[in-house]
Amino acid sequence: LAPLRNVHKFDVLIRLSLAIGVVSVLSRLDIRKAWAQRNFSVVLWPAVIALAVIGVAAPALIGRLAPTGAYAAVPDYWSQTGHWLDKHHDGRALLAPGARFGRYTWGTTNDEILQALTAPDWEVRNAIPLTPAGHIRMLDAIERRFASAQPSTGLADYLNRNGIGYVVVRHDLSGAETHARTGFVEQVLSNSPGFTVVKRFGPVINPNSITPTLNDTNLSPPRRAIEIWQVGTGAPDRVSLTPSSEASEISGDSSSLLDLADAGTLPGGSTIMSGDQKPGVRK
């Protein structure tokens, strides 16, 4: 059933063929002759088709043609964020906190809106990251740090090692979709070494106006919609060459590097995971 997972991508072709079939059926029916001969099975077809058309048009008739979470326009501050990243592409930008889909207080985009607003590389921990398993574990380790709301002495180095130069904290996310509270993310970044706020965009967002039944002002105070934090002081290396004899071998996975960095035991330079050692290849 895997091909049916994305039927919305080709349902237009299905609708077109069905529409042609309906027109063909109607063109072959002689309603008056069928009624005179009491052939009600022929008369029934137009009635069924009429009900189907009314059912399909029902959302438009009751004024609910737009899907839930529709929006009239993308806020200007997101366009400003995209333009700023175009000019400052020192490493990838990480959208934080992670969220299953792009569901914001101003509307639902499902796919992240930043994809259409900037050219430099960026990433996010969403429902299904299209990246290797090791990279997903890296993103999960970062989200766990954010969810803990605890400072991390090795987080900046960990992000730099993975080519991330900026963290874009989005305070306008719908709270139900996030992996960590936006206030927790800011708490981690503001109390961890190596992070600096370089830009803010948009109006002040009050979390209590998003989830009025949950009063957590002290956990997520009002903030500007978008905050961009710089990681470290320079652009991370995109590609570097290191002799294998100089690389440190680590027993664990990609998330283990963050634990070692926090403990102050992560060796400098490149690392190789024990599981990545290939037979016949010497370090």
Protein backbone atom coordinates (compact mmCIF):
# COMPACT_ATOMS: atom_id res chain seq x y z
CA LEU A 1 0.00 0.00 0.00
CA ALA A 2 3.03 2.30 -0.08
CA PRO A 3 1.99 3.91 -3.42
CA LEU A 4 -1.29 5.00 -1.79
CA ARG A 5 0.58 7.01 0.86
CA ASN A 6 0.84 10.02 -1.44
CA VAL A 7 -2.41 9.79 -3.42
CA HIS A 8 -2.84 13.57 -3.13
CA LYS A 9 -0.01 13.95 -5.64
CA PHE A 10 -1.92 12.28 -8.45
CA ASP A 11 -5.57 12.59 -7.38
CA VAL A 12 -6.03 15.32 -9.99
CA LEU A 13 -5.56 12.70 -12.71
CA ILE A 14 -8.07 10.41 -10.98
CA ARG A 15 -10.62 13.22 -10.70
CA LEU A 16 -10.18 14.07 -14.38
CA SER A 17 -10.88 10.52 -15.56
CA LEU A 18 -13.89 10.22 -13.23
CA ALA A 19 -15.29 13.50 -14.52
CA ILE A 20 -14.96 12.31 -18.12
CA GLY A 21 -16.70 9.06 -17.14
CA VAL A 22 -19.59 10.91 -15.50
CA VAL A 23 -20.09 13.06 -18.61
CA SER A 24 -20.02 9.94 -20.79
CA VAL A 25 -22.68 8.21 -18.66
CA LEU A 26 -24.96 11.25 -18.67
CA SER A 27 -24.63 11.64 -22.45
CA ARG A 28 -25.88 8.07 -22.97
CA LEU A 29 -28.95 8.38 -20.74
CA ASP A 30 -32.38 9.29 -22.13
CA ILE A 31 -34.15 10.38 -18.97
CA ARG A 32 -37.58 11.06 -20.55
CA LYS A 33 -37.72 7.72 -22.36
CA ALA A 34 -36.57 5.86 -19.25
CA TRP A 35 -39.23 7.59 -17.11
CA ALA A 36 -41.96 6.74 -19.63
CA GLN A 37 -40.92 3.08 -19.56
CA ARG A 38 -40.70 3.14 -15.76
CA ASN A 39 -37.02 2.20 -16.04
CA PHE A 40 -36.09 3.69 -12.68
CA SER A 41 -32.59 2.17 -12.66
CA VAL A 42 -31.64 4.55 -15.47
CA VAL A 43 -33.22 7.50 -13.69
CA LEU A 44 -31.37 6.60 -10.50
CA TRP A 45 -27.93 7.27 -12.01
CA PRO A 46 -28.44 11.04 -12.50
CA ALA A 47 -29.78 11.29 -8.95
CA VAL A 48 -26.72 9.56 -7.54
CA ILE A 49 -24.40 11.76 -9.60
CA ALA A 50 -26.28 14.90 -8.50
CA LEU A 51 -25.91 13.91 -4.83
CA ALA A 52 -22.20 13.23 -5.36
CA VAL A 53 -21.69 16.66 -6.94
CA ILE A 54 -23.55 18.35 -4.08
CA GLY A 55 -21.47 16.41 -1.54
CA VAL A 56 -18.21 17.47 -3.16
CA ALA A 57 -19.36 21.09 -3.32
CA ALA A 58 -20.64 21.09 0.29
CA PRO A 59 -17.48 22.71 1.80
CA ALA A 60 -17.82 25.60 -0.65
CA LEU A 61 -21.56 25.93 0.00
CA ILE A 62 -21.08 26.24 3.79
CA GLY A 63 -18.05 28.51 3.48
CA ARG A 64 -15.37 26.02 4.56
CA LEU A 65 -13.51 25.55 1.31
CA ALA A 66 -10.14 26.46 2.85
CA PRO A 67 -8.49 23.68 4.91
CA THR A 68 -8.02 23.96 8.65
CA GLY A 69 -5.14 26.29 9.51
CA ALA A 70 -5.22 28.15 6.20
CA TYR A 71 -3.47 31.53 6.06
CA ALA A 72 -3.86 34.59 3.89
CA ALA A 73 -0.16 35.45 3.68
CA VAL A 74 3.24 34.60 5.14
CA PRO A 75 4.24 37.12 7.85
CA ASP A 76 6.79 39.68 6.73
CA TYR A 77 9.18 38.73 9.51
CA TRP A 78 9.68 35.28 7.99
CA SER A 79 10.63 36.86 4.67
CA GLN A 80 13.05 39.13 6.57
CA THR A 81 14.54 36.06 8.25
CA GLY A 82 15.07 34.40 4.88
CA HIS A 83 16.75 37.51 3.44
CA TRP A 84 19.03 37.79 6.48
CA LEU A 85 20.13 34.17 6.13
CA ASP A 86 20.83 34.81 2.44
CA LYS A 87 23.38 37.42 3.47
CA HIS A 88 24.85 35.49 6.43
CA HIS A 89 25.29 31.89 5.30
CA ASP A 90 28.13 30.95 7.64
CA GLY A 91 27.12 27.35 8.15
CA ARG A 92 23.67 25.78 8.11
CA ALA A 93 20.77 27.24 10.07
CA LEU A 94 18.97 24.95 12.54
CA LEU A 95 15.28 25.67 13.14
CA ALA A 96 14.50 25.25 16.82
CA PRO A 97 12.66 23.81 18.49
CA GLY A 98 11.96 20.86 16.24
CA ALA A 99 8.36 20.17 15.26
CA ARG A 100 6.56 17.41 13.41
CA PHE A 101 5.10 19.81 10.84
CA GLY A 102 5.14 23.52 10.08
CA ARG A 103 2.15 24.58 12.16
CA TYR A 104 2.34 28.16 13.35
CA THR A 105 0.10 30.57 15.22
CA TRP A 106 -0.60 32.34 11.91
CA GLY A 107 -1.35 29.21 9.84
CA THR A 108 -0.31 25.72 8.79
CA THR A 109 2.27 25.23 6.05
CA ASN A 110 3.09 21.57 6.84
CA ASP A 111 6.38 21.84 4.91
CA GLU A 112 8.62 24.43 6.54
CA ILE A 113 8.03 27.92 5.14
CA LEU A 114 11.76 28.72 5.22
CA GLN A 115 12.26 26.35 2.29
CA ALA A 116 10.75 28.93 -0.07
CA LEU A 117 12.34 31.98 1.52
CA THR A 118 16.10 31.35 1.58
CA ALA A 119 18.78 29.75 -0.59
CA PRO A 120 21.42 28.71 2.03
CA ASP A 121 21.26 25.33 3.73
CA TRP A 122 19.07 24.84 6.79
CA GLU A 123 17.57 21.87 8.65
CA VAL A 124 15.01 20.89 11.26
CA ARG A 125 14.02 17.83 13.27
CA ASN A 126 10.57 17.18 11.81
CA ALA A 127 8.34 14.10 11.61
CA ILE A 128 10.39 12.34 8.93
CA PRO A 129 13.88 13.83 8.38
CA LEU A 130 15.16 12.74 4.97
CA THR A 131 18.70 12.22 6.24
CA PRO A 132 20.86 9.23 7.29
CA ALA A 133 20.16 7.59 10.64
CA GLY A 134 23.31 9.00 12.22
CA HIS A 135 22.25 12.54 11.37
CA ILE A 136 18.79 11.95 12.83
CA ARG A 137 20.39 10.78 16.08
CA MET A 138 22.42 13.98 16.11
CA LEU A 139 19.26 16.09 15.75
CA ASP A 140 17.56 14.04 18.48
CA ALA A 141 20.47 14.68 20.85
CA ILE A 142 20.12 18.43 20.28
CA GLU A 143 16.36 18.32 20.88
CA ARG A 144 16.87 16.40 24.13
CA ARG A 145 19.22 19.15 25.32
CA PHE A 146 16.64 21.78 24.46
CA ALA A 147 13.85 19.85 26.19
CA SER A 148 15.93 19.56 29.37
CA ALA A 149 16.24 23.38 29.66
CA GLN A 150 19.69 22.79 31.18
CA PRO A 151 22.87 24.60 30.07
CA SER A 152 25.24 22.59 27.91
CA THR A 153 28.94 23.38 27.91
CA GLY A 154 29.58 21.32 24.78
CA LEU A 155 26.53 22.17 22.67
CA ALA A 156 28.16 24.99 20.68
CA ASP A 157 31.15 22.82 19.78
CA TYR A 158 28.81 19.95 18.90
CA LEU A 159 26.77 22.15 16.54
CA ASN A 160 29.92 23.59 14.97
CA ARG A 161 31.27 20.08 14.34
CA ASN A 162 28.08 19.33 12.44
CA GLY A 163 28.29 22.45 10.27
CA ILE A 164 25.59 24.46 12.06
CA GLY A 165 26.38 28.17 12.29
CA TYR A 166 23.02 29.59 13.42
CA VAL A 167 20.05 28.53 15.54
CA VAL A 168 16.75 30.09 14.46
CA VAL A 169 14.39 30.04 17.45
CA ARG A 170 10.78 30.40 16.31
CA HIS A 171 8.48 31.60 19.07
CA ASP A 172 5.44 31.61 16.77
CA LEU A 173 5.18 27.82 16.60
CA SER A 174 1.99 26.09 17.67
CA GLY A 175 2.85 24.63 21.07
CA ALA A 176 1.26 21.25 20.36
CA GLU A 177 3.73 20.54 17.56
CA THR A 178 7.04 21.27 19.24
CA HIS A 179 9.53 18.77 20.64
CA ALA A 180 10.60 21.32 23.30
CA ARG A 181 9.15 24.57 24.61
CA THR A 182 10.58 27.67 22.95
CA GLY A 183 11.35 29.09 26.39
CA PHE A 184 13.44 26.01 27.16
CA VAL A 185 15.44 26.48 23.95
CA GLU A 186 16.19 30.08 24.84
CA GLN A 187 17.13 29.04 28.38
CA VAL A 188 19.68 26.56 27.03
CA LEU A 189 21.18 28.98 24.51
CA SER A 190 21.38 31.96 26.85
CA ASN A 191 23.10 29.96 29.61
CA SER A 192 25.43 27.86 27.45
CA PRO A 193 28.82 29.20 26.30
CA GLY A 194 29.31 29.98 22.62
CA PHE A 195 25.90 31.43 21.68
CA THR A 196 25.06 35.06 20.87
CA VAL A 197 21.79 36.66 19.71
CA VAL A 198 22.55 38.45 16.44
CA LYS A 199 19.08 39.32 15.11
CA ARG A 200 15.39 39.45 16.07
CA PHE A 201 12.38 39.76 13.78
CA GLY A 202 8.63 40.11 14.16
CA PRO A 203 6.25 41.17 16.91
CA VAL A 204 6.38 40.03 20.53
CA ILE A 205 4.71 36.62 20.95
CA ASN A 206 2.99 35.83 24.25
CA PRO A 207 2.81 32.05 24.86
CA ASN A 208 -0.24 32.48 27.08
CA SER A 209 -2.19 33.85 24.13
CA ILE A 210 -1.39 30.66 22.20
CA THR A 211 -2.34 28.21 24.95
CA PRO A 212 -4.57 30.24 27.31
CA THR A 213 -5.41 27.21 29.44
CA LEU A 214 -1.75 26.77 30.41
CA ASN A 215 -0.16 29.55 32.43
CA ASP A 216 3.60 29.18 32.07
CA THR A 217 4.74 32.78 31.80
CA ASN A 218 7.83 32.07 33.84
CA LEU A 219 8.80 29.16 31.56
CA SER A 220 8.13 30.87 28.21
CA PRO A 221 8.08 34.67 28.64
CA PRO A 222 6.97 36.92 25.74
CA ARG A 223 9.62 37.16 23.03
CA ARG A 224 10.01 38.44 19.46
CA ALA A 225 8.66 35.95 16.91
CA ILE A 226 12.09 35.02 15.51
CA GLU A 227 15.46 35.05 17.27
CA ILE A 228 18.67 34.12 15.46
CA TRP A 229 21.56 32.89 17.61
CA GLN A 230 25.07 32.62 16.23
CA VAL A 231 27.04 29.50 17.14
CA GLY A 232 30.64 30.29 18.06
CA THR A 233 32.55 33.12 16.43
CA GLY A 234 33.42 31.77 13.00
CA ALA A 235 31.98 29.74 10.17
CA PRO A 236 32.25 25.97 10.70
CA ASP A 237 34.32 23.98 8.22
CA ARG A 238 32.17 22.44 5.49
CA VAL A 239 34.82 19.97 4.39
CA SER A 240 38.21 19.16 5.87
CA LEU A 241 40.87 16.51 5.35
CA THR A 242 42.37 14.72 8.33
CA PRO A 243 44.74 11.76 8.22
CA SER A 244 43.03 8.72 9.68
CA SER A 245 45.99 8.24 12.01
CA GLU A 246 45.11 11.55 13.70
CA ALA A 247 41.40 10.81 14.14
CA SER A 248 40.06 9.69 17.52
CA GLU A 249 37.99 6.50 17.65
CA ILE A 250 34.76 6.79 19.66
CA SER A 251 32.69 3.83 20.82
CA GLY A 252 29.08 4.97 20.45
CA ASP A 253 26.94 6.86 17.94
CA SER A 254 26.72 10.45 16.76
CA SER A 255 24.78 11.53 19.84
CA SER A 256 27.60 10.31 22.11
CA LEU A 257 29.79 13.21 20.99
CA LEU A 258 27.49 15.68 22.75
CA ASP A 259 27.75 13.77 26.04
CA LEU A 260 31.54 13.72 25.72
CA ALA A 261 31.61 17.43 24.89
CA ASP A 262 29.50 18.23 27.97
CA ALA A 263 31.83 16.14 30.11
CA GLY A 264 34.88 17.91 28.65
CA THR A 265 36.38 14.64 27.41
CA LEU A 266 35.73 15.01 23.67
CA PRO A 267 39.08 14.93 21.83
CA GLY A 268 39.85 17.78 19.49
CA GLY A 269 39.90 17.23 15.75
CA SER A 270 38.08 14.56 13.78
CA THR A 271 36.47 11.45 15.22
CA ILE A 272 35.63 8.02 13.83
CA MET A 273 32.92 5.79 15.25
CA SER A 274 34.00 2.25 16.07
CA GLY A 275 31.12 0.86 14.05
CA ASP A 276 32.31 2.75 10.97
CA GLN A 277 35.66 0.95 10.87
CA LYS A 278 35.76 -1.20 7.74
CA PRO A 279 37.55 -4.56 7.64
CA GLY A 280 40.98 -4.26 6.10
CA VAL A 281 41.20 -0.48 6.65
CA ARG A 282 43.63 0.71 9.31
CA LYS A 283 43.18 3.87 11.24
